[in-house]
Amino acid sequence: MKQLEVQIMGQSYLLGCPDGGESRLLDAVERVDTAMCRIRDAGKVRARERIAVLAALNLAFDLTDRASTVALGDAGGTALASSSVASRADADGQPITKSGEEMLLTSLMARLDNALSDDGRLI
């Protein structure tokens, strides 16, 4: 396990990373940083904790939306709005139930909390 120092919204974080996973972690950091900076720069939210939560929710929504698009076979990449739980699927093509979506969001929030709590300077 390696440790990488990264910057998110101008703040340094030391993150654990499995060997060979550096590029994936750096890509994830870039996505989180971009999402958080976009929210901050919009000027409506200032608290880092709220920015982090909103960014996590936006990223989770995008992930769920992509899974839905893949499940529906939408080759054009346009998401089709659907309230049907049965039309959503995970990366393996298995249907995601409402509890599955909640578990995904909970997992993402826990990972975000873990990454933010390690530096001792919580937001």
N, C-alpha and C. Protein backbone atom coordinates (compact mmCIF):
# COMPACT_ATOMS: atom_id res chain seq x y z
N MET A 1 0.85 -1.18 0.00
CA MET A 1 0.00 0.00 0.00
C MET A 1 0.89 1.24 0.00
N LYS A 2 0.68 2.11 -0.95
CA LYS A 2 1.40 3.37 -1.07
C LYS A 2 0.58 4.48 -0.45
N GLN A 3 1.24 5.58 -0.19
CA GLN A 3 0.53 6.78 0.22
C GLN A 3 0.86 7.89 -0.77
N LEU A 4 -0.16 8.57 -1.23
CA LEU A 4 0.01 9.68 -2.16
C LEU A 4 -0.51 10.96 -1.51
N GLU A 5 0.24 12.03 -1.67
CA GLU A 5 -0.25 13.33 -1.22
C GLU A 5 -0.93 13.99 -2.41
N VAL A 6 -2.17 14.41 -2.20
CA VAL A 6 -2.96 15.03 -3.25
C VAL A 6 -3.52 16.35 -2.75
N GLN A 7 -3.98 17.17 -3.67
CA GLN A 7 -4.60 18.45 -3.34
C GLN A 7 -6.05 18.41 -3.81
N ILE A 8 -6.94 18.75 -2.88
CA ILE A 8 -8.36 18.89 -3.22
C ILE A 8 -8.79 20.26 -2.71
N MET A 9 -9.24 21.08 -3.61
CA MET A 9 -9.65 22.45 -3.29
C MET A 9 -8.57 23.19 -2.52
N GLY A 10 -7.32 22.97 -2.94
CA GLY A 10 -6.20 23.68 -2.35
C GLY A 10 -5.71 23.14 -1.02
N GLN A 11 -6.26 22.05 -0.56
CA GLN A 11 -5.85 21.47 0.71
C GLN A 11 -5.20 20.10 0.46
N SER A 12 -4.12 19.83 1.17
CA SER A 12 -3.39 18.58 0.99
C SER A 12 -4.02 17.44 1.80
N TYR A 13 -4.03 16.26 1.19
CA TYR A 13 -4.50 15.04 1.85
C TYR A 13 -3.51 13.93 1.54
N LEU A 14 -3.24 13.11 2.53
CA LEU A 14 -2.39 11.94 2.34
C LEU A 14 -3.33 10.74 2.27
N LEU A 15 -3.38 10.10 1.10
CA LEU A 15 -4.32 9.01 0.86
C LEU A 15 -3.59 7.70 0.64
N GLY A 16 -4.15 6.62 1.17
CA GLY A 16 -3.63 5.29 0.92
C GLY A 16 -4.06 4.84 -0.47
N CYS A 17 -3.16 4.11 -1.12
CA CYS A 17 -3.43 3.68 -2.49
C CYS A 17 -2.80 2.31 -2.71
N PRO A 18 -3.57 1.34 -3.23
CA PRO A 18 -2.98 0.04 -3.54
C PRO A 18 -1.96 0.15 -4.67
N ASP A 19 -0.96 -0.70 -4.65
CA ASP A 19 0.04 -0.70 -5.71
C ASP A 19 -0.64 -0.85 -7.06
N GLY A 20 -0.24 -0.03 -8.01
CA GLY A 20 -0.81 -0.08 -9.35
C GLY A 20 -2.10 0.73 -9.50
N GLY A 21 -2.60 1.32 -8.43
CA GLY A 21 -3.85 2.06 -8.49
C GLY A 21 -3.67 3.56 -8.52
N GLU A 22 -2.44 4.02 -8.69
CA GLU A 22 -2.15 5.45 -8.62
C GLU A 22 -2.93 6.26 -9.64
N SER A 23 -2.97 5.80 -10.87
CA SER A 23 -3.64 6.59 -11.91
C SER A 23 -5.14 6.66 -11.65
N ARG A 24 -5.74 5.57 -11.18
CA ARG A 24 -7.17 5.59 -10.86
C ARG A 24 -7.45 6.53 -9.70
N LEU A 25 -6.60 6.51 -8.67
CA LEU A 25 -6.79 7.39 -7.53
C LEU A 25 -6.64 8.85 -7.95
N LEU A 26 -5.61 9.14 -8.76
CA LEU A 26 -5.41 10.52 -9.21
C LEU A 26 -6.56 11.00 -10.09
N ASP A 27 -7.13 10.11 -10.88
CA ASP A 27 -8.30 10.45 -11.69
C ASP A 27 -9.49 10.77 -10.78
N ALA A 28 -9.68 9.96 -9.74
CA ALA A 28 -10.77 10.19 -8.79
C ALA A 28 -10.57 11.51 -8.06
N VAL A 29 -9.33 11.79 -7.65
CA VAL A 29 -9.03 13.06 -6.97
C VAL A 29 -9.35 14.23 -7.90
N GLU A 30 -8.98 14.12 -9.16
CA GLU A 30 -9.25 15.19 -10.13
C GLU A 30 -10.76 15.42 -10.26
N ARG A 31 -11.53 14.34 -10.31
CA ARG A 31 -12.98 14.48 -10.42
C ARG A 31 -13.58 15.16 -9.19
N VAL A 32 -13.13 14.73 -8.02
CA VAL A 32 -13.63 15.32 -6.77
C VAL A 32 -13.23 16.79 -6.69
N ASP A 33 -11.97 17.09 -6.99
CA ASP A 33 -11.49 18.47 -6.94
C ASP A 33 -12.29 19.35 -7.90
N THR A 34 -12.49 18.88 -9.11
CA THR A 34 -13.24 19.64 -10.11
C THR A 34 -14.67 19.89 -9.63
N ALA A 35 -15.32 18.84 -9.11
CA ALA A 35 -16.70 18.97 -8.64
C ALA A 35 -16.79 19.95 -7.47
N MET A 36 -15.85 19.85 -6.53
CA MET A 36 -15.89 20.74 -5.37
C MET A 36 -15.58 22.18 -5.77
N CYS A 37 -14.61 22.39 -6.62
CA CYS A 37 -14.26 23.75 -7.06
C CYS A 37 -15.40 24.39 -7.84
N ARG A 38 -16.09 23.59 -8.64
CA ARG A 38 -17.23 24.10 -9.41
C ARG A 38 -18.32 24.62 -8.46
N ILE A 39 -18.60 23.86 -7.40
CA ILE A 39 -19.61 24.28 -6.43
C ILE A 39 -19.14 25.52 -5.68
N ARG A 40 -17.89 25.52 -5.24
CA ARG A 40 -17.33 26.68 -4.53
C ARG A 40 -17.37 27.92 -5.41
N ASP A 41 -16.96 27.78 -6.66
CA ASP A 41 -16.88 28.92 -7.57
C ASP A 41 -18.25 29.47 -7.96
N ALA A 42 -19.29 28.66 -7.82
CA ALA A 42 -20.64 29.15 -8.10
C ALA A 42 -21.04 30.20 -7.06
N GLY A 43 -20.37 30.18 -5.90
CA GLY A 43 -20.53 31.23 -4.91
C GLY A 43 -21.70 31.10 -3.97
N LYS A 44 -22.47 30.04 -4.07
CA LYS A 44 -23.64 29.92 -3.21
C LYS A 44 -23.35 29.15 -1.92
N VAL A 45 -22.31 28.34 -1.92
CA VAL A 45 -21.96 27.53 -0.76
C VAL A 45 -20.51 27.81 -0.40
N ARG A 46 -20.25 28.08 0.87
CA ARG A 46 -18.89 28.40 1.30
C ARG A 46 -18.29 27.34 2.22
N ALA A 47 -19.10 26.67 3.03
CA ALA A 47 -18.59 25.70 3.99
C ALA A 47 -18.04 24.48 3.24
N ARG A 48 -16.77 24.14 3.52
CA ARG A 48 -16.11 23.02 2.83
C ARG A 48 -16.88 21.71 3.01
N GLU A 49 -17.41 21.51 4.19
CA GLU A 49 -18.15 20.27 4.46
C GLU A 49 -19.39 20.17 3.56
N ARG A 50 -20.12 21.24 3.43
CA ARG A 50 -21.31 21.24 2.57
C ARG A 50 -20.91 21.08 1.10
N ILE A 51 -19.82 21.71 0.71
CA ILE A 51 -19.33 21.57 -0.66
C ILE A 51 -18.98 20.11 -0.92
N ALA A 52 -18.31 19.46 0.04
CA ALA A 52 -17.92 18.05 -0.12
C ALA A 52 -19.14 17.16 -0.25
N VAL A 53 -20.15 17.39 0.59
CA VAL A 53 -21.37 16.58 0.53
C VAL A 53 -22.08 16.78 -0.80
N LEU A 54 -22.22 18.01 -1.24
CA LEU A 54 -22.87 18.27 -2.52
C LEU A 54 -22.10 17.65 -3.69
N ALA A 55 -20.78 17.75 -3.65
CA ALA A 55 -19.97 17.15 -4.71
C ALA A 55 -20.13 15.63 -4.71
N ALA A 56 -20.12 15.02 -3.52
CA ALA A 56 -20.29 13.56 -3.43
C ALA A 56 -21.65 13.14 -3.98
N LEU A 57 -22.68 13.88 -3.64
CA LEU A 57 -24.01 13.56 -4.16
C LEU A 57 -24.09 13.73 -5.67
N ASN A 58 -23.48 14.79 -6.19
CA ASN A 58 -23.47 14.99 -7.64
C ASN A 58 -22.74 13.86 -8.35
N LEU A 59 -21.59 13.46 -7.81
CA LEU A 59 -20.82 12.37 -8.42
C LEU A 59 -21.58 11.05 -8.34
N ALA A 60 -22.21 10.79 -7.20
CA ALA A 60 -23.00 9.56 -7.05
C ALA A 60 -24.19 9.55 -8.00
N PHE A 61 -24.83 10.70 -8.16
CA PHE A 61 -25.94 10.80 -9.10
C PHE A 61 -25.47 10.53 -10.52
N ASP A 62 -24.34 11.12 -10.89
CA ASP A 62 -23.78 10.88 -12.23
C ASP A 62 -23.47 9.40 -12.44
N LEU A 63 -22.91 8.76 -11.42
CA LEU A 63 -22.59 7.34 -11.51
C LEU A 63 -23.84 6.50 -11.70
N THR A 64 -24.86 6.80 -10.93
CA THR A 64 -26.14 6.09 -11.04
C THR A 64 -26.77 6.35 -12.39
N ASP A 65 -26.68 7.60 -12.84
CA ASP A 65 -27.24 7.97 -14.14
C ASP A 65 -26.55 7.21 -15.26
N ARG A 66 -25.23 7.08 -15.18
CA ARG A 66 -24.48 6.32 -16.20
C ARG A 66 -24.87 4.85 -16.19
N ALA A 67 -25.03 4.28 -14.99
CA ALA A 67 -25.43 2.88 -14.89
C ALA A 67 -26.80 2.69 -15.51
N SER A 68 -27.68 3.65 -15.30
CA SER A 68 -29.01 3.59 -15.88
C SER A 68 -28.94 3.67 -17.40
N THR A 69 -28.08 4.55 -17.89
CA THR A 69 -27.92 4.71 -19.33
C THR A 69 -27.40 3.43 -19.97
N VAL A 70 -26.41 2.81 -19.32
CA VAL A 70 -25.85 1.55 -19.83
C VAL A 70 -26.92 0.46 -19.82
N ALA A 71 -27.69 0.40 -18.75
CA ALA A 71 -28.73 -0.63 -18.63
C ALA A 71 -29.80 -0.47 -19.69
N LEU A 72 -30.05 0.77 -20.09
CA LEU A 72 -31.08 1.02 -21.09
C LEU A 72 -30.54 0.89 -22.51
N GLY A 73 -29.22 0.71 -22.65
CA GLY A 73 -28.63 0.55 -23.97
C GLY A 73 -28.63 1.83 -24.76
N ASP A 74 -28.54 2.96 -24.10
CA ASP A 74 -28.56 4.25 -24.76
C ASP A 74 -27.17 4.56 -25.31
N ALA A 75 -26.91 4.21 -26.56
CA ALA A 75 -25.59 4.38 -27.16
C ALA A 75 -25.22 5.84 -27.35
N GLY A 76 -26.19 6.73 -27.41
CA GLY A 76 -25.91 8.14 -27.61
C GLY A 76 -25.40 8.82 -26.36
N GLY A 77 -25.44 8.15 -25.21
CA GLY A 77 -24.93 8.73 -23.99
C GLY A 77 -25.91 9.68 -23.32
N THR A 78 -27.12 9.79 -23.83
CA THR A 78 -28.10 10.67 -23.20
C THR A 78 -28.86 9.88 -22.16
N ALA A 79 -28.95 10.43 -20.98
CA ALA A 79 -29.65 9.75 -19.90
C ALA A 79 -31.14 9.91 -20.11
N LEU A 80 -31.85 8.81 -19.95
CA LEU A 80 -33.30 8.86 -20.02
C LEU A 80 -33.84 8.89 -18.61
N ALA A 81 -34.70 9.83 -18.33
CA ALA A 81 -35.27 9.93 -17.00
C ALA A 81 -36.22 8.76 -16.79
N SER A 82 -36.07 8.11 -15.67
CA SER A 82 -36.92 6.98 -15.36
C SER A 82 -37.05 6.84 -13.87
N SER A 83 -38.26 6.69 -13.39
CA SER A 83 -38.46 6.48 -11.96
C SER A 83 -38.49 4.98 -11.66
N SER A 84 -38.36 4.18 -12.68
CA SER A 84 -38.40 2.74 -12.49
C SER A 84 -37.08 2.22 -11.94
N VAL A 85 -37.13 1.60 -10.77
CA VAL A 85 -35.93 1.03 -10.16
C VAL A 85 -35.41 -0.11 -11.01
N ALA A 86 -36.30 -0.85 -11.65
CA ALA A 86 -35.89 -2.01 -12.42
C ALA A 86 -35.04 -1.64 -13.63
N SER A 87 -35.10 -0.39 -14.09
CA SER A 87 -34.34 -0.02 -15.27
C SER A 87 -32.89 0.34 -14.96
N ARG A 88 -32.51 0.36 -13.70
CA ARG A 88 -31.15 0.71 -13.32
C ARG A 88 -30.35 -0.55 -13.07
N ALA A 89 -29.04 -0.47 -13.37
CA ALA A 89 -28.18 -1.64 -13.18
C ALA A 89 -26.81 -1.19 -12.73
N ASP A 90 -26.11 -2.11 -12.04
CA ASP A 90 -24.75 -1.79 -11.62
C ASP A 90 -23.78 -2.14 -12.74
N ALA A 91 -22.49 -2.07 -12.44
CA ALA A 91 -21.47 -2.31 -13.46
C ALA A 91 -21.53 -3.71 -14.04
N ASP A 92 -22.06 -4.66 -13.27
CA ASP A 92 -22.17 -6.04 -13.75
C ASP A 92 -23.50 -6.31 -14.45
N GLY A 93 -24.32 -5.27 -14.62
CA GLY A 93 -25.60 -5.44 -15.29
C GLY A 93 -26.70 -5.94 -14.38
N GLN A 94 -26.41 -6.06 -13.08
CA GLN A 94 -27.42 -6.52 -12.14
C GLN A 94 -28.32 -5.35 -11.75
N PRO A 95 -29.63 -5.57 -11.62
CA PRO A 95 -30.52 -4.47 -11.23
C PRO A 95 -30.13 -3.90 -9.87
N ILE A 96 -30.18 -2.59 -9.78
CA ILE A 96 -29.92 -1.93 -8.50
C ILE A 96 -31.27 -1.62 -7.87
N THR A 97 -31.47 -2.11 -6.70
CA THR A 97 -32.71 -1.81 -5.99
C THR A 97 -32.52 -0.47 -5.28
N LYS A 98 -33.60 0.06 -4.78
CA LYS A 98 -33.51 1.32 -4.06
C LYS A 98 -32.52 1.21 -2.92
N SER A 99 -32.51 0.09 -2.21
CA SER A 99 -31.56 -0.08 -1.12
C SER A 99 -30.14 -0.15 -1.66
N GLY A 100 -29.96 -0.66 -2.86
CA GLY A 100 -28.64 -0.69 -3.48
C GLY A 100 -28.12 0.70 -3.77
N GLU A 101 -29.01 1.58 -4.24
CA GLU A 101 -28.61 2.96 -4.48
C GLU A 101 -28.25 3.65 -3.18
N GLU A 102 -29.03 3.40 -2.15
CA GLU A 102 -28.75 3.99 -0.85
C GLU A 102 -27.42 3.46 -0.31
N MET A 103 -27.15 2.17 -0.52
CA MET A 103 -25.89 1.60 -0.07
C MET A 103 -24.72 2.24 -0.83
N LEU A 104 -24.88 2.49 -2.12
CA LEU A 104 -23.84 3.13 -2.92
C LEU A 104 -23.55 4.53 -2.39
N LEU A 105 -24.59 5.31 -2.15
CA LEU A 105 -24.40 6.65 -1.60
C LEU A 105 -23.75 6.61 -0.22
N THR A 106 -24.19 5.67 0.61
CA THR A 106 -23.61 5.54 1.95
C THR A 106 -22.14 5.18 1.86
N SER A 107 -21.80 4.28 0.96
CA SER A 107 -20.42 3.88 0.77
C SER A 107 -19.56 5.06 0.30
N LEU A 108 -20.06 5.82 -0.66
CA LEU A 108 -19.32 6.98 -1.16
C LEU A 108 -19.14 8.03 -0.06
N MET A 109 -20.18 8.25 0.72
CA MET A 109 -20.09 9.23 1.81
C MET A 109 -19.08 8.76 2.86
N ALA A 110 -19.07 7.46 3.17
CA ALA A 110 -18.13 6.93 4.16
C ALA A 110 -16.69 7.08 3.67
N ARG A 111 -16.46 6.82 2.38
CA ARG A 111 -15.11 6.98 1.81
C ARG A 111 -14.68 8.44 1.86
N LEU A 112 -15.61 9.34 1.57
CA LEU A 112 -15.31 10.76 1.62
C LEU A 112 -15.00 11.19 3.06
N ASP A 113 -15.84 10.75 4.01
CA ASP A 113 -15.60 11.06 5.42
C ASP A 113 -14.25 10.54 5.87
N ASN A 114 -13.91 9.33 5.46
CA ASN A 114 -12.64 8.73 5.84
C ASN A 114 -11.46 9.54 5.28
N ALA A 115 -11.56 9.93 4.03
CA ALA A 115 -10.47 10.70 3.43
C ALA A 115 -10.34 12.08 4.07
N LEU A 116 -11.43 12.70 4.42
CA LEU A 116 -11.39 14.02 5.00
C LEU A 116 -11.00 14.01 6.48
N SER A 117 -11.27 12.92 7.18
CA SER A 117 -11.00 12.89 8.61
C SER A 117 -9.55 12.57 8.93
N ASP A 118 -8.80 12.00 8.01
CA ASP A 118 -7.44 11.59 8.27
C ASP A 118 -6.45 12.72 8.46
N ASP A 119 -6.76 13.91 7.96
CA ASP A 119 -5.76 14.98 8.03
C ASP A 119 -5.79 15.78 9.32
N GLY A 120 -6.77 15.55 10.18
CA GLY A 120 -6.83 16.25 11.45
C GLY A 120 -7.27 17.71 11.32
N ARG A 121 -7.54 18.14 10.13
CA ARG A 121 -7.98 19.52 9.87
C ARG A 121 -9.33 19.49 9.21
N LEU A 122 -10.24 18.76 9.75
CA LEU A 122 -11.53 18.54 9.11
C LEU A 122 -12.19 19.86 8.74
N ILE A 123 -12.26 20.08 7.48
CA ILE A 123 -12.92 21.18 6.82
C ILE A 123 -13.01 22.36 7.70
